[in-house]
């Protein structure tokens, strides 16, 4: 049986290969790293 994390990663990879790039404004967001990085990773968290 596949683990839950493995299934989530697999679903993400399937989605990422078909998803288009999206511009998300990072004006007031806490960021780390260079501003001209080729890739930006954004984590959405729900604490409820």
Protein backbone atom coordinates (compact mmCIF):
# COMPACT_ATOMS: atom_id res chain seq x y z
CA UNK A 1 0.00 0.00 0.00
CA UNK A 2 1.30 3.42 -0.90
CA UNK A 3 1.96 5.90 1.88
CA UNK A 4 -0.11 9.06 2.22
CA UNK A 5 2.90 11.34 1.64
CA UNK A 6 3.89 9.42 -1.49
CA UNK A 7 0.37 9.76 -2.90
CA UNK A 8 0.36 13.50 -2.20
CA UNK A 9 3.72 13.95 -3.89
CA UNK A 10 2.55 11.91 -6.87
CA UNK A 11 -0.63 13.98 -7.18
CA UNK A 12 1.42 17.18 -6.98
CA UNK A 13 3.79 16.02 -9.70
CA UNK A 14 0.88 15.11 -11.96
CA UNK A 15 -0.71 18.51 -11.34
CA UNK A 16 2.56 20.41 -11.77
CA UNK A 17 3.19 18.93 -15.19
CA UNK A 18 -0.16 20.21 -16.47
CA UNK A 19 -0.43 23.51 -14.57
CA UNK A 20 0.45 26.85 -16.12
CA UNK A 21 2.73 29.36 -14.43
CA UNK A 22 0.91 31.89 -12.28
CA UNK A 23 2.15 35.32 -11.19
CA UNK A 24 1.55 35.86 -7.47
CA UNK A 25 2.46 39.26 -5.98
CA UNK A 26 5.01 38.93 -3.17
CA UNK A 27 5.04 42.60 -2.15
CA UNK A 28 4.33 42.12 1.56
CA UNK A 29 5.15 38.41 1.86
CA UNK A 30 8.00 37.16 4.05
CA UNK A 31 10.55 35.85 1.56
CA UNK A 32 14.00 34.31 1.68
CA UNK A 33 16.55 34.11 -1.09
CA UNK A 34 17.39 36.22 -4.12
CA UNK A 35 14.64 38.28 -5.74
CA UNK A 36 15.61 37.03 -9.20
CA UNK A 37 15.42 33.30 -8.39
CA UNK A 38 14.16 31.22 -11.35
CA UNK A 39 11.67 29.34 -9.13
CA UNK A 40 9.48 30.52 -6.26
CA UNK A 41 7.90 28.01 -3.89
CA UNK A 42 4.78 29.18 -2.09
CA UNK A 43 3.28 27.23 0.79
CA UNK A 44 -0.38 27.68 1.63
CA UNK A 45 -1.21 26.55 5.15
CA UNK A 46 -4.57 26.22 6.85
CA UNK A 47 -4.24 26.14 10.64
CA UNK A 48 -7.86 25.23 11.28
